[in-house]
Amino acid sequence: MSHTDRAGLAALTAAGRTYDPALPPWHHSQPHHELAADVRWWVGMPLAFGLFGRLALDQVAYREVAAAVDATGRFEENFTNRGVRSYLWGPLMLFGDDADRTATATRLKDLHGQVRGKGRGAFAGERYSALNPALWKWVGTSSMLVFYTGYVTTYADRLDDEQREVVYRTILWMSDFELPSDAAAIPATVTEMREYYETVAATELADNPFLRWANQSFDALPVLTLVGPRWLHRAITPLWRAAMPVLTRPARVLAEVAAHPRMRELLGVRLTPGRRVEAKVYLALLRRARRVLPSVLLLDPLAQNRKRYEKLRAAYAAPQLTSFAPPAEQSGQHGQLASEARPAQPVG
């Protein structure tokens, strides 16, 4: 669904502005553009993905998705490597230039086209295709909700319904890479998204061996081997294993608090008052970090590069004229001089 196709969204107004679906939500003419800009840079923050990425476990609670990722074996090979690779697609599609964004999205779809077949082991006989519109819609919606749910959980006390719509619309605008099928279209509004999620939760999300394995693996992530020599991987393994339970705890607690009730049920999560207080501490620290730390420490390098570029672009544009037309008070004189300068035209 293109940006202009979203014109059916309810009109949002603020400070005399009306939402224009042809412009980015963070454009200065849009209502709540400051909020949209903040959401945009939230999406470009690795910490947002790290702290709320566990919410994406709902993807593999969908049996056909679980069968597909289980069959590829890439999670089992090195769960950490697979997570990092998944993350790295995001900045390229969200903060690259238009050509890179399009090329990255096209390549991602082409690679997913290779993921089709029948499940193995506990999923034997389960047919899957990553380009099945129903699966594409579910995975796309779930991926978006990692950032949407993370943001509204972090700033819940400051957001009314209209502002939540701005948050959702901003993330939807940034991640507009869908299959050419209405069946694959990600819900266009918060209300539609909630209705869709409730339907999937009631009809598709269920316990399965891969979901249980993935949930346990988050707390025992293997050493990252995408960078560095093998001897270094072996050397840091003891420290890595000791640190993982501590480093991953905030992500576990925040995901448990923010997750849909169906996912808490499937994962056996019971929220206690102590857990909720712990989550509030993490959220307060996160809000504080975003207030006081420079963007270079918070943003992904590609997002930081985009932010710096746009700041420089605005500085270059600031002193420029908005029109090359002559001033209104000189227009009459200018017209007279121009008329005198033109040669006479033949008549008849």
C-alpha atoms as a PDB file:
ATOM      1  CA  MET A   1       0.000   0.000   0.000  1.00  0.00           C
ATOM      2  CA  SER A   2       1.520   3.340  -1.039  1.00  0.00           C
ATOM      3  CA  HIS A   3       1.658   6.395   1.189  1.00  0.00           C
ATOM      4  CA  THR A   4      -1.094   8.116  -0.774  1.00  0.00           C
ATOM      5  CA  ASP A   5      -3.309   5.037  -0.460  1.00  0.00           C
ATOM      6  CA  ARG A   6      -3.391   5.771   3.267  1.00  0.00           C
ATOM      7  CA  ALA A   7      -5.473   8.887   2.652  1.00  0.00           C
ATOM      8  CA  GLY A   8      -8.358   6.956   4.200  1.00  0.00           C
ATOM      9  CA  LEU A   9      -6.749   7.370   7.617  1.00  0.00           C
ATOM     10  CA  ALA A  10      -8.732   9.566   9.953  1.00  0.00           C
ATOM     11  CA  ALA A  11      -7.619  13.188   9.595  1.00  0.00           C
ATOM     12  CA  LEU A  12      -5.424  14.307  12.446  1.00  0.00           C
ATOM     13  CA  THR A  13      -5.233  17.956  13.378  1.00  0.00           C
ATOM     14  CA  ALA A  14      -3.101  19.960  15.727  1.00  0.00           C
ATOM     15  CA  ALA A  15      -2.287  23.663  15.902  1.00  0.00           C
ATOM     16  CA  GLY A  16      -4.364  24.286  12.798  1.00  0.00           C
ATOM     17  CA  ARG A  17      -2.602  21.620  10.741  1.00  0.00           C
ATOM     18  CA  THR A  18      -4.253  18.726   8.912  1.00  0.00           C
ATOM     19  CA  TYR A  19      -2.402  15.507   8.142  1.00  0.00           C
ATOM     20  CA  ASP A  20      -1.216  15.219   4.544  1.00  0.00           C
ATOM     21  CA  PRO A  21      -0.611  11.549   3.591  1.00  0.00           C
ATOM     22  CA  ALA A  22       1.686  12.625   0.753  1.00  0.00           C
ATOM     23  CA  LEU A  23       4.293  14.028   3.173  1.00  0.00           C
ATOM     24  CA  PRO A  24       6.387  12.286   5.836  1.00  0.00           C
ATOM     25  CA  PRO A  25       4.777  12.521   9.270  1.00  0.00           C
ATOM     26  CA  TRP A  26       7.829  14.429  10.550  1.00  0.00           C
ATOM     27  CA  HIS A  27       7.519  17.173   7.900  1.00  0.00           C
ATOM     28  CA  HIS A  28       7.247  20.558   9.633  1.00  0.00           C
ATOM     29  CA  SER A  29       3.784  21.154   8.146  1.00  0.00           C
ATOM     30  CA  GLN A  30       2.301  17.997   9.683  1.00  0.00           C
ATOM     31  CA  PRO A  31       0.390  17.838  12.979  1.00  0.00           C
ATOM     32  CA  HIS A  32       2.511  16.413  15.793  1.00  0.00           C
ATOM     33  CA  HIS A  33       5.607  16.555  13.567  1.00  0.00           C
ATOM     34  CA  GLU A  34       7.878  16.860  16.615  1.00  0.00           C
ATOM     35  CA  LEU A  35       6.504  13.590  17.977  1.00  0.00           C
ATOM     36  CA  ALA A  36       6.900  11.909  14.583  1.00  0.00           C
ATOM     37  CA  ALA A  37      10.519  13.085  14.384  1.00  0.00           C
ATOM     38  CA  ASP A  38      11.206  11.647  17.832  1.00  0.00           C
ATOM     39  CA  VAL A  39       9.658   8.332  16.798  1.00  0.00           C
ATOM     40  CA  ARG A  40      11.790   8.324  13.650  1.00  0.00           C
ATOM     41  CA  TRP A  41      15.006   8.557  15.631  1.00  0.00           C
ATOM     42  CA  TRP A  42      13.684   6.010  18.138  1.00  0.00           C
ATOM     43  CA  VAL A  43      13.482   3.532  15.252  1.00  0.00           C
ATOM     44  CA  GLY A  44      17.105   4.386  14.437  1.00  0.00           C
ATOM     45  CA  MET A  45      18.287   3.539  17.945  1.00  0.00           C
ATOM     46  CA  PRO A  46      19.872   0.080  18.420  1.00  0.00           C
ATOM     47  CA  LEU A  47      18.890   0.204  22.083  1.00  0.00           C
ATOM     48  CA  ALA A  48      15.202   0.245  21.116  1.00  0.00           C
ATOM     49  CA  PHE A  49      15.674  -2.930  19.077  1.00  0.00           C
ATOM     50  CA  GLY A  50      17.795  -4.531  21.789  1.00  0.00           C
ATOM     51  CA  LEU A  51      15.416  -3.814  24.658  1.00  0.00           C
ATOM     52  CA  PHE A  52      12.187  -4.697  22.866  1.00  0.00           C
ATOM     53  CA  GLY A  53      13.339  -7.107  20.154  1.00  0.00           C
ATOM     54  CA  ARG A  54      12.225 -10.030  22.254  1.00  0.00           C
ATOM     55  CA  LEU A  55       8.648  -9.053  21.442  1.00  0.00           C
ATOM     56  CA  ALA A  56       9.276 -10.572  18.000  1.00  0.00           C
ATOM     57  CA  LEU A  57       8.939 -14.012  19.571  1.00  0.00           C
ATOM     58  CA  ASP A  58       5.299 -13.727  18.583  1.00  0.00           C
ATOM     59  CA  GLN A  59       6.427 -14.320  15.001  1.00  0.00           C
ATOM     60  CA  VAL A  60       7.427 -17.907  15.750  1.00  0.00           C
ATOM     61  CA  ALA A  61       4.303 -18.535  17.811  1.00  0.00           C
ATOM     62  CA  TYR A  62       2.700 -18.698  14.351  1.00  0.00           C
ATOM     63  CA  ARG A  63       3.320 -22.335  13.460  1.00  0.00           C
ATOM     64  CA  GLU A  64       4.032 -21.843   9.748  1.00  0.00           C
ATOM     65  CA  VAL A  65       6.633 -19.167  10.537  1.00  0.00           C
ATOM     66  CA  ALA A  66       8.226 -21.421  13.153  1.00  0.00           C
ATOM     67  CA  ALA A  67       8.422 -24.256  10.638  1.00  0.00           C
ATOM     68  CA  ALA A  68      10.136 -21.975   8.121  1.00  0.00           C
ATOM     69  CA  VAL A  69      12.808 -20.536  10.429  1.00  0.00           C
ATOM     70  CA  ASP A  70      13.412 -23.928  12.013  1.00  0.00           C
ATOM     71  CA  ALA A  71      14.002 -25.476   8.586  1.00  0.00           C
ATOM     72  CA  THR A  72      16.592 -22.859   7.592  1.00  0.00           C
ATOM     73  CA  GLY A  73      18.796 -23.773  10.568  1.00  0.00           C
ATOM     74  CA  ARG A  74      20.258 -20.264  10.775  1.00  0.00           C
ATOM     75  CA  PHE A  75      18.942 -19.617  14.266  1.00  0.00           C
ATOM     76  CA  GLU A  76      20.266 -22.923  15.536  1.00  0.00           C
ATOM     77  CA  GLU A  77      23.684 -22.298  13.967  1.00  0.00           C
ATOM     78  CA  ASN A  78      24.301 -19.110  15.989  1.00  0.00           C
ATOM     79  CA  PHE A  79      21.330 -17.295  17.490  1.00  0.00           C
ATOM     80  CA  THR A  80      23.363 -14.131  18.112  1.00  0.00           C
ATOM     81  CA  ASN A  81      24.664 -13.934  14.556  1.00  0.00           C
ATOM     82  CA  ARG A  82      21.146 -14.374  13.205  1.00  0.00           C
ATOM     83  CA  GLY A  83      19.803 -11.599  15.413  1.00  0.00           C
ATOM     84  CA  VAL A  84      22.535  -9.178  14.350  1.00  0.00           C
ATOM     85  CA  ARG A  85      21.936  -9.947  10.673  1.00  0.00           C
ATOM     86  CA  SER A  86      18.222  -9.337  11.158  1.00  0.00           C
ATOM     87  CA  TYR A  87      18.953  -5.984  12.781  1.00  0.00           C
ATOM     88  CA  LEU A  88      21.338  -4.834  10.047  1.00  0.00           C
ATOM     89  CA  TRP A  89      18.629  -4.994   7.398  1.00  0.00           C
ATOM     90  CA  GLY A  90      16.738  -2.249   9.223  1.00  0.00           C
ATOM     91  CA  PRO A  91      19.084   0.758   8.955  1.00  0.00           C
ATOM     92  CA  LEU A  92      19.695   0.060   5.268  1.00  0.00           C
ATOM     93  CA  MET A  93      15.966   0.117   4.500  1.00  0.00           C
ATOM     94  CA  LEU A  94      15.077   2.920   6.885  1.00  0.00           C
ATOM     95  CA  PHE A  95      17.936   5.408   6.618  1.00  0.00           C
ATOM     96  CA  GLY A  96      19.729   4.711   3.345  1.00  0.00           C
ATOM     97  CA  ASP A  97      19.142   6.821   0.254  1.00  0.00           C
ATOM     98  CA  ASP A  98      16.182   5.958  -1.950  1.00  0.00           C
ATOM     99  CA  ALA A  99      18.183   3.715  -4.288  1.00  0.00           C
ATOM    100  CA  ASP A 100      19.729   1.743  -1.422  1.00  0.00           C
ATOM    101  CA  ARG A 101      16.400   1.419   0.368  1.00  0.00           C
ATOM    102  CA  THR A 102      14.693   0.050  -2.715  1.00  0.00           C
ATOM    103  CA  ALA A 103      17.574  -2.292  -3.564  1.00  0.00           C
ATOM    104  CA  THR A 104      17.723  -3.620  -0.003  1.00  0.00           C
ATOM    105  CA  ALA A 105      13.979  -4.248   0.133  1.00  0.00           C
ATOM    106  CA  THR A 106      14.062  -5.988  -3.242  1.00  0.00           C
ATOM    107  CA  ARG A 107      16.965  -8.200  -2.168  1.00  0.00           C
ATOM    108  CA  LEU A 108      15.198  -9.071   1.086  1.00  0.00           C
ATOM    109  CA  LYS A 109      12.097 -10.170  -0.820  1.00  0.00           C
ATOM    110  CA  ASP A 110      14.202 -12.178  -3.274  1.00  0.00           C
ATOM    111  CA  LEU A 111      15.980 -13.988  -0.435  1.00  0.00           C
ATOM    112  CA  HIS A 112      12.700 -14.746   1.296  1.00  0.00           C
ATOM    113  CA  GLY A 113      11.457 -16.238  -1.949  1.00  0.00           C
ATOM    114  CA  GLN A 114      13.958 -19.062  -1.390  1.00  0.00           C
ATOM    115  CA  VAL A 115      12.338 -19.962   1.953  1.00  0.00           C
ATOM    116  CA  ARG A 116       9.662 -22.462   0.985  1.00  0.00           C
ATOM    117  CA  GLY A 117       9.114 -26.173   1.448  1.00  0.00           C
ATOM    118  CA  LYS A 118       8.044 -28.557   4.212  1.00  0.00           C
ATOM    119  CA  GLY A 119       8.960 -28.514   7.873  1.00  0.00           C
ATOM    120  CA  ARG A 120      11.254 -30.956   9.595  1.00  0.00           C
ATOM    121  CA  GLY A 121      11.200 -32.747  12.952  1.00  0.00           C
ATOM    122  CA  ALA A 122       8.338 -31.465  15.090  1.00  0.00           C
ATOM    123  CA  PHE A 123       7.090 -29.526  12.046  1.00  0.00           C
ATOM    124  CA  ALA A 124       7.205 -32.434   9.603  1.00  0.00           C
ATOM    125  CA  GLY A 125       4.566 -32.080   6.932  1.00  0.00           C
ATOM    126  CA  GLU A 126       3.990 -28.365   7.650  1.00  0.00           C
ATOM    127  CA  ARG A 127       4.189 -26.522   4.342  1.00  0.00           C
ATOM    128  CA  TYR A 128       5.595 -23.002   4.424  1.00  0.00           C
ATOM    129  CA  SER A 129       6.480 -20.137   2.128  1.00  0.00           C
ATOM    130  CA  ALA A 130       7.955 -16.870   3.383  1.00  0.00           C
ATOM    131  CA  LEU A 131       6.168 -15.040   0.560  1.00  0.00           C
ATOM    132  CA  ASN A 132       2.779 -16.349   1.604  1.00  0.00           C
ATOM    133  CA  PRO A 133       0.889 -13.027   1.932  1.00  0.00           C
ATOM    134  CA  ALA A 134      -0.608 -14.054   5.273  1.00  0.00           C
ATOM    135  CA  LEU A 135       2.838 -14.808   6.704  1.00  0.00           C
ATOM    136  CA  TRP A 136       4.390 -11.682   5.195  1.00  0.00           C
ATOM    137  CA  LYS A 137       1.653  -9.590   6.776  1.00  0.00           C
ATOM    138  CA  TRP A 138       2.141 -11.205  10.175  1.00  0.00           C
ATOM    139  CA  VAL A 139       5.936 -10.915  10.203  1.00  0.00           C
ATOM    140  CA  GLY A 140       5.783  -7.344   8.877  1.00  0.00           C
ATOM    141  CA  THR A 141       3.223  -6.298  11.469  1.00  0.00           C
ATOM    142  CA  SER A 142       5.130  -7.988  14.280  1.00  0.00           C
ATOM    143  CA  SER A 143       8.395  -6.345  13.195  1.00  0.00           C
ATOM    144  CA  MET A 144       6.723  -2.925  13.202  1.00  0.00           C
ATOM    145  CA  LEU A 145       5.237  -3.572  16.630  1.00  0.00           C
ATOM    146  CA  VAL A 146       8.684  -4.108  18.146  1.00  0.00           C
ATOM    147  CA  PHE A 147       9.212  -0.358  17.704  1.00  0.00           C
ATOM    148  CA  TYR A 148       5.627   0.804  18.169  1.00  0.00           C
ATOM    149  CA  THR A 149       5.054  -1.171  21.358  1.00  0.00           C
ATOM    150  CA  GLY A 150       8.479  -0.216  22.652  1.00  0.00           C
ATOM    151  CA  TYR A 151       7.805   3.494  22.164  1.00  0.00           C
ATOM    152  CA  VAL A 152       4.294   3.572  23.605  1.00  0.00           C
ATOM    153  CA  THR A 153       5.440   1.470  26.558  1.00  0.00           C
ATOM    154  CA  THR A 154       8.300   3.864  27.247  1.00  0.00           C
ATOM    155  CA  TYR A 155       6.163   7.010  26.934  1.00  0.00           C
ATOM    156  CA  ALA A 156       2.733   5.630  27.839  1.00  0.00           C
ATOM    157  CA  ASP A 157       1.848   8.438  30.261  1.00  0.00           C
ATOM    158  CA  ARG A 158       2.431  11.138  27.620  1.00  0.00           C
ATOM    159  CA  LEU A 159       0.480   9.740  24.680  1.00  0.00           C
ATOM    160  CA  ASP A 160      -3.224  10.065  23.946  1.00  0.00           C
ATOM    161  CA  ASP A 161      -5.004   8.068  21.258  1.00  0.00           C
ATOM    162  CA  GLU A 162      -4.252  10.583  18.505  1.00  0.00           C
ATOM    163  CA  GLN A 163      -0.563  10.657  19.390  1.00  0.00           C
ATOM    164  CA  ARG A 164      -0.403   6.869  19.391  1.00  0.00           C
ATOM    165  CA  GLU A 165      -1.791   7.028  15.870  1.00  0.00           C
ATOM    166  CA  VAL A 166       1.066   9.367  14.952  1.00  0.00           C
ATOM    167  CA  VAL A 167       3.576   6.922  16.419  1.00  0.00           C
ATOM    168  CA  TYR A 168       2.089   4.045  14.448  1.00  0.00           C
ATOM    169  CA  ARG A 169       1.763   6.003  11.216  1.00  0.00           C
ATOM    170  CA  THR A 170       5.378   7.184  11.429  1.00  0.00           C
ATOM    171  CA  ILE A 171       6.750   3.661  11.763  1.00  0.00           C
ATOM    172  CA  LEU A 172       4.414   2.451   9.023  1.00  0.00           C
ATOM    173  CA  TRP A 173       5.645   5.208   6.696  1.00  0.00           C
ATOM    174  CA  MET A 174       9.265   4.250   7.316  1.00  0.00           C
ATOM    175  CA  SER A 175       8.722   0.537   6.724  1.00  0.00           C
ATOM    176  CA  ASP A 176       6.601   0.693   3.582  1.00  0.00           C
ATOM    177  CA  PHE A 177       8.016  -2.418   1.883  1.00  0.00           C
ATOM    178  CA  GLU A 178       5.109  -4.748   1.276  1.00  0.00           C
ATOM    179  CA  LEU A 179       4.248  -7.421  -1.242  1.00  0.00           C
ATOM    180  CA  PRO A 180       2.005  -6.379  -4.149  1.00  0.00           C
ATOM    181  CA  SER A 181      -0.999  -8.023  -2.520  1.00  0.00           C
ATOM    182  CA  ASP A 182      -3.834  -6.631  -0.424  1.00  0.00           C
ATOM    183  CA  ALA A 183      -3.629  -9.791   1.676  1.00  0.00           C
ATOM    184  CA  ALA A 184      -0.078  -8.837   2.690  1.00  0.00           C
ATOM    185  CA  ALA A 185      -0.898  -5.222   3.569  1.00  0.00           C
ATOM    186  CA  ILE A 186       0.019  -4.205   7.108  1.00  0.00           C
ATOM    187  CA  PRO A 187      -2.939  -2.682   8.990  1.00  0.00           C
ATOM    188  CA  ALA A 188      -3.160   1.048   8.301  1.00  0.00           C
ATOM    189  CA  THR A 189      -4.335   2.290  11.701  1.00  0.00           C
ATOM    190  CA  VAL A 190      -3.915   1.400  15.349  1.00  0.00           C
ATOM    191  CA  THR A 191      -7.510   0.179  15.541  1.00  0.00           C
ATOM    192  CA  GLU A 192      -7.068  -2.086  12.516  1.00  0.00           C
ATOM    193  CA  MET A 193      -3.772  -3.354  13.888  1.00  0.00           C
ATOM    194  CA  ARG A 194      -5.319  -4.254  17.239  1.00  0.00           C
ATOM    195  CA  GLU A 195      -8.222  -6.058  15.598  1.00  0.00           C
ATOM    196  CA  TYR A 196      -5.847  -7.970  13.333  1.00  0.00           C
ATOM    197  CA  TYR A 197      -3.542  -8.929  16.212  1.00  0.00           C
ATOM    198  CA  GLU A 198      -6.424 -10.158  18.335  1.00  0.00           C
ATOM    199  CA  THR A 199      -7.631 -12.337  15.468  1.00  0.00           C
ATOM    200  CA  VAL A 200      -4.199 -13.882  14.898  1.00  0.00           C
ATOM    201  CA  ALA A 201      -3.665 -14.342  18.635  1.00  0.00           C
ATOM    202  CA  ALA A 202      -6.934 -16.236  18.918  1.00  0.00           C
ATOM    203  CA  THR A 203      -6.605 -18.373  15.791  1.00  0.00           C
ATOM    204  CA  GLU A 204      -2.895 -18.882  15.040  1.00  0.00           C
ATOM    205  CA  LEU A 205      -0.588 -18.249  17.998  1.00  0.00           C
ATOM    206  CA  ALA A 206       0.195 -21.446  19.864  1.00  0.00           C
ATOM    207  CA  ASP A 207       2.956 -23.218  21.729  1.00  0.00           C
ATOM    208  CA  ASN A 208       5.553 -25.051  19.664  1.00  0.00           C
ATOM    209  CA  PRO A 209       9.083 -26.458  20.213  1.00  0.00           C
ATOM    210  CA  PHE A 210      10.842 -23.676  18.291  1.00  0.00           C
ATOM    211  CA  LEU A 211       9.101 -20.962  20.312  1.00  0.00           C
ATOM    212  CA  ARG A 212      10.245 -22.586  23.555  1.00  0.00           C
ATOM    213  CA  TRP A 213      13.791 -23.004  22.254  1.00  0.00           C
ATOM    214  CA  ALA A 214      14.008 -19.397  21.035  1.00  0.00           C
ATOM    215  CA  ASN A 215      12.684 -18.065  24.334  1.00  0.00           C
ATOM    216  CA  GLN A 216      15.344 -19.961  26.287  1.00  0.00           C
ATOM    217  CA  SER A 217      18.084 -18.974  23.829  1.00  0.00           C
ATOM    218  CA  PHE A 218      17.633 -15.266  24.538  1.00  0.00           C
ATOM    219  CA  ASP A 219      19.146 -15.767  27.980  1.00  0.00           C
ATOM    220  CA  ALA A 220      22.087 -17.841  26.744  1.00  0.00           C
ATOM    221  CA  LEU A 221      23.151 -16.101  23.550  1.00  0.00           C
ATOM    222  CA  PRO A 222      26.282 -17.624  21.994  1.00  0.00           C
ATOM    223  CA  VAL A 223      29.359 -15.520  21.315  1.00  0.00           C
ATOM    224  CA  LEU A 224      29.050 -13.281  18.287  1.00  0.00           C
ATOM    225  CA  THR A 225      31.317 -14.696  15.565  1.00  0.00           C
ATOM    226  CA  LEU A 226      30.577 -12.303  12.700  1.00  0.00           C
ATOM    227  CA  VAL A 227      33.610 -10.207  13.611  1.00  0.00           C
ATOM    228  CA  GLY A 228      37.032 -11.062  14.990  1.00  0.00           C
ATOM    229  CA  PRO A 229      39.250 -14.144  14.823  1.00  0.00           C
ATOM    230  CA  ARG A 230      38.289 -17.527  16.223  1.00  0.00           C
ATOM    231  CA  TRP A 231      40.875 -17.355  19.018  1.00  0.00           C
ATOM    232  CA  LEU A 232      39.224 -14.177  20.312  1.00  0.00           C
ATOM    233  CA  HIS A 233      35.789 -15.832  20.293  1.00  0.00           C
ATOM    234  CA  ARG A 234      37.155 -18.674  22.428  1.00  0.00           C
ATOM    235  CA  ALA A 235      38.941 -16.287  24.778  1.00  0.00           C
ATOM    236  CA  ILE A 236      35.917 -14.184  25.593  1.00  0.00           C
ATOM    237  CA  THR A 237      33.436 -17.074  25.846  1.00  0.00           C
ATOM    238  CA  PRO A 238      33.648 -17.503  29.676  1.00  0.00           C
ATOM    239  CA  LEU A 239      33.110 -13.800  30.319  1.00  0.00           C
ATOM    240  CA  TRP A 240      30.384 -13.649  27.679  1.00  0.00           C
ATOM    241  CA  ARG A 241      28.453 -16.517  29.267  1.00  0.00           C
ATOM    242  CA  ALA A 242      28.728 -14.978  32.723  1.00  0.00           C
ATOM    243  CA  ALA A 243      27.540 -11.583  31.516  1.00  0.00           C
ATOM    244  CA  MET A 244      24.594 -12.706  29.376  1.00  0.00           C
ATOM    245  CA  PRO A 245      22.016 -13.277  32.174  1.00  0.00           C
ATOM    246  CA  VAL A 246      22.698  -9.786  33.520  1.00  0.00           C
ATOM    247  CA  LEU A 247      22.812  -8.007  30.155  1.00  0.00           C
ATOM    248  CA  THR A 248      19.669  -9.653  28.816  1.00  0.00           C
ATOM    249  CA  ARG A 249      17.545  -9.204  31.945  1.00  0.00           C
ATOM    250  CA  PRO A 250      16.228  -5.706  31.058  1.00  0.00           C
ATOM    251  CA  ALA A 251      15.117  -6.979  27.650  1.00  0.00           C
ATOM    252  CA  ARG A 252      13.374  -9.967  29.227  1.00  0.00           C
ATOM    253  CA  VAL A 253      11.552  -7.862  31.821  1.00  0.00           C
ATOM    254  CA  LEU A 254      10.472  -5.155  29.365  1.00  0.00           C
ATOM    255  CA  ALA A 255       9.246  -7.707  26.844  1.00  0.00           C
ATOM    256  CA  GLU A 256       7.243  -9.513  29.518  1.00  0.00           C
ATOM    257  CA  VAL A 257       5.547  -6.277  30.578  1.00  0.00           C
ATOM    258  CA  ALA A 258       4.902  -5.062  27.013  1.00  0.00           C
ATOM    259  CA  ALA A 259       3.894  -8.395  25.444  1.00  0.00           C
ATOM    260  CA  HIS A 260       0.355  -9.257  24.386  1.00  0.00           C
ATOM    261  CA  PRO A 261      -1.481 -11.349  27.024  1.00  0.00           C
ATOM    262  CA  ARG A 262      -1.569 -14.326  24.647  1.00  0.00           C
ATOM    263  CA  MET A 263       2.214 -14.303  24.387  1.00  0.00           C
ATOM    264  CA  ARG A 264       2.613 -14.045  28.167  1.00  0.00           C
ATOM    265  CA  GLU A 265       0.323 -17.059  28.438  1.00  0.00           C
ATOM    266  CA  LEU A 266       2.323 -19.081  25.907  1.00  0.00           C
ATOM    267  CA  LEU A 267       5.648 -18.212  27.558  1.00  0.00           C
ATOM    268  CA  GLY A 268       4.392 -18.849  31.083  1.00  0.00           C
ATOM    269  CA  VAL A 269       4.979 -15.269  32.213  1.00  0.00           C
ATOM    270  CA  ARG A 270       3.375 -14.113  35.441  1.00  0.00           C
ATOM    271  CA  LEU A 271       3.724 -10.416  36.081  1.00  0.00           C
ATOM    272  CA  THR A 272       4.393  -9.577  39.708  1.00  0.00           C
ATOM    273  CA  PRO A 273       4.426  -6.138  41.377  1.00  0.00           C
ATOM    274  CA  GLY A 274       8.193  -6.436  41.684  1.00  0.00           C
ATOM    275  CA  ARG A 275       8.524  -7.136  37.962  1.00  0.00           C
ATOM    276  CA  ARG A 276       6.445  -4.082  37.113  1.00  0.00           C
ATOM    277  CA  VAL A 277       8.545  -1.860  39.373  1.00  0.00           C
ATOM    278  CA  GLU A 278      11.728  -3.228  37.807  1.00  0.00           C
ATOM    279  CA  ALA A 279      10.357  -2.430  34.350  1.00  0.00           C
ATOM    280  CA  LYS A 280       9.551   1.135  35.425  1.00  0.00           C
ATOM    281  CA  VAL A 281      13.158   1.601  36.542  1.00  0.00           C
ATOM    282  CA  TYR A 282      14.479   0.429  33.163  1.00  0.00           C
ATOM    283  CA  LEU A 283      12.040   2.682  31.327  1.00  0.00           C
ATOM    284  CA  ALA A 284      13.015   5.702  33.426  1.00  0.00           C
ATOM    285  CA  LEU A 285      16.690   5.052  32.682  1.00  0.00           C
ATOM    286  CA  LEU A 286      15.902   4.734  28.987  1.00  0.00           C
ATOM    287  CA  ARG A 287      14.011   8.027  28.915  1.00  0.00           C
ATOM    288  CA  ARG A 288      16.848   9.685  30.811  1.00  0.00           C
ATOM    289  CA  ALA A 289      19.454   8.335  28.398  1.00  0.00           C
ATOM    290  CA  ARG A 290      17.537   9.741  25.443  1.00  0.00           C
ATOM    291  CA  ARG A 291      17.386  13.156  27.110  1.00  0.00           C
ATOM    292  CA  VAL A 292      21.003  13.537  28.138  1.00  0.00           C
ATOM    293  CA  LEU A 293      23.146  11.463  25.774  1.00  0.00           C
ATOM    294  CA  PRO A 294      24.231  12.847  22.406  1.00  0.00           C
ATOM    295  CA  SER A 295      22.659  11.262  19.360  1.00  0.00           C
ATOM    296  CA  VAL A 296      26.025   9.951  18.199  1.00  0.00           C
ATOM    297  CA  LEU A 297      25.969   7.585  21.184  1.00  0.00           C
ATOM    298  CA  LEU A 298      22.346   6.536  20.707  1.00  0.00           C
ATOM    299  CA  LEU A 299      21.735   6.258  16.982  1.00  0.00           C
ATOM    300  CA  ASP A 300      22.828   3.646  14.517  1.00  0.00           C
ATOM    301  CA  PRO A 301      25.637   5.105  12.341  1.00  0.00           C
ATOM    302  CA  LEU A 302      23.381   5.218   9.273  1.00  0.00           C
ATOM    303  CA  ALA A 303      20.627   6.975  11.231  1.00  0.00           C
ATOM    304  CA  GLN A 304      23.170   9.407  12.677  1.00  0.00           C
ATOM    305  CA  ASN A 305      24.495  10.061   9.197  1.00  0.00           C
ATOM    306  CA  ARG A 306      20.953  10.792   7.971  1.00  0.00           C
ATOM    307  CA  LYS A 307      20.303  13.133  10.881  1.00  0.00           C
ATOM    308  CA  ARG A 308      23.564  15.017  10.279  1.00  0.00           C
ATOM    309  CA  TYR A 309      22.871  15.240   6.555  1.00  0.00           C
ATOM    310  CA  GLU A 310      19.409  16.703   7.121  1.00  0.00           C
ATOM    311  CA  LYS A 311      20.798  19.214   9.604  1.00  0.00           C
ATOM    312  CA  LEU A 312      23.418  20.314   7.067  1.00  0.00           C
ATOM    313  CA  ARG A 313      20.821  20.441   4.303  1.00  0.00           C
ATOM    314  CA  ALA A 314      18.637  22.720   6.416  1.00  0.00           C
ATOM    315  CA  ALA A 315      21.624  24.985   7.132  1.00  0.00           C
ATOM    316  CA  TYR A 316      22.362  25.290   3.408  1.00  0.00           C
ATOM    317  CA  ALA A 317      18.709  25.984   2.612  1.00  0.00           C
ATOM    318  CA  ALA A 318      18.074  28.503   5.418  1.00  0.00           C
ATOM    319  CA  PRO A 319      19.531  31.630   3.740  1.00  0.00           C
ATOM    320  CA  GLN A 320      18.072  30.833   0.328  1.00  0.00           C
ATOM    321  CA  LEU A 321      15.296  32.932  -1.199  1.00  0.00           C
ATOM    322  CA  THR A 322      11.849  31.409  -1.309  1.00  0.00           C
ATOM    323  CA  SER A 323      11.097  33.122  -4.632  1.00  0.00           C
ATOM    324  CA  PHE A 324      13.017  34.693  -7.494  1.00  0.00           C
ATOM    325  CA  ALA A 325      10.009  36.829  -8.435  1.00  0.00           C
ATOM    326  CA  PRO A 326      10.450  40.602  -8.041  1.00  0.00           C
ATOM    327  CA  PRO A 327       9.086  42.245  -4.893  1.00  0.00           C
ATOM    328  CA  ALA A 328       5.439  43.224  -5.128  1.00  0.00           C
ATOM    329  CA  GLU A 329       6.188  46.951  -4.856  1.00  0.00           C
ATOM    330  CA  GLN A 330       8.520  46.758  -7.848  1.00  0.00           C
ATOM    331  CA  SER A 331       6.347  44.561 -10.037  1.00  0.00           C
ATOM    332  CA  GLY A 332       4.649  47.494 -11.831  1.00  0.00           C
ATOM    333  CA  GLN A 333       7.921  49.184 -12.732  1.00  0.00           C
ATOM    334  CA  HIS A 334       9.423  45.855 -13.754  1.00  0.00           C
ATOM    335  CA  GLY A 335       6.469  45.165 -16.018  1.00  0.00           C
ATOM    336  CA  GLN A 336       6.815  48.605 -17.687  1.00  0.00           C
ATOM    337  CA  LEU A 337      10.528  48.158 -18.334  1.00  0.00           C
ATOM    338  CA  ALA A 338       9.969  44.689 -19.697  1.00  0.00           C
ATOM    339  CA  SER A 339       7.279  45.994 -22.049  1.00  0.00           C
ATOM    340  CA  GLU A 340       9.538  48.748 -23.354  1.00  0.00           C
ATOM    341  CA  ALA A 341      12.339  46.273 -23.927  1.00  0.00           C
ATOM    342  CA  ARG A 342      10.226  43.936 -26.076  1.00  0.00           C
ATOM    343  CA  PRO A 343      10.146  44.553 -29.840  1.00  0.00           C
ATOM    344  CA  ALA A 344       6.808  45.584 -31.314  1.00  0.00           C
ATOM    345  CA  GLN A 345       4.726  42.694 -32.622  1.00  0.00           C
ATOM    346  CA  PRO A 346       3.210  42.868 -36.092  1.00  0.00           C
ATOM    347  CA  VAL A 347      -0.535  43.392 -36.261  1.00  0.00           C
ATOM    348  CA  GLY A 348      -2.884  41.545 -38.534  1.00  0.00           C
END
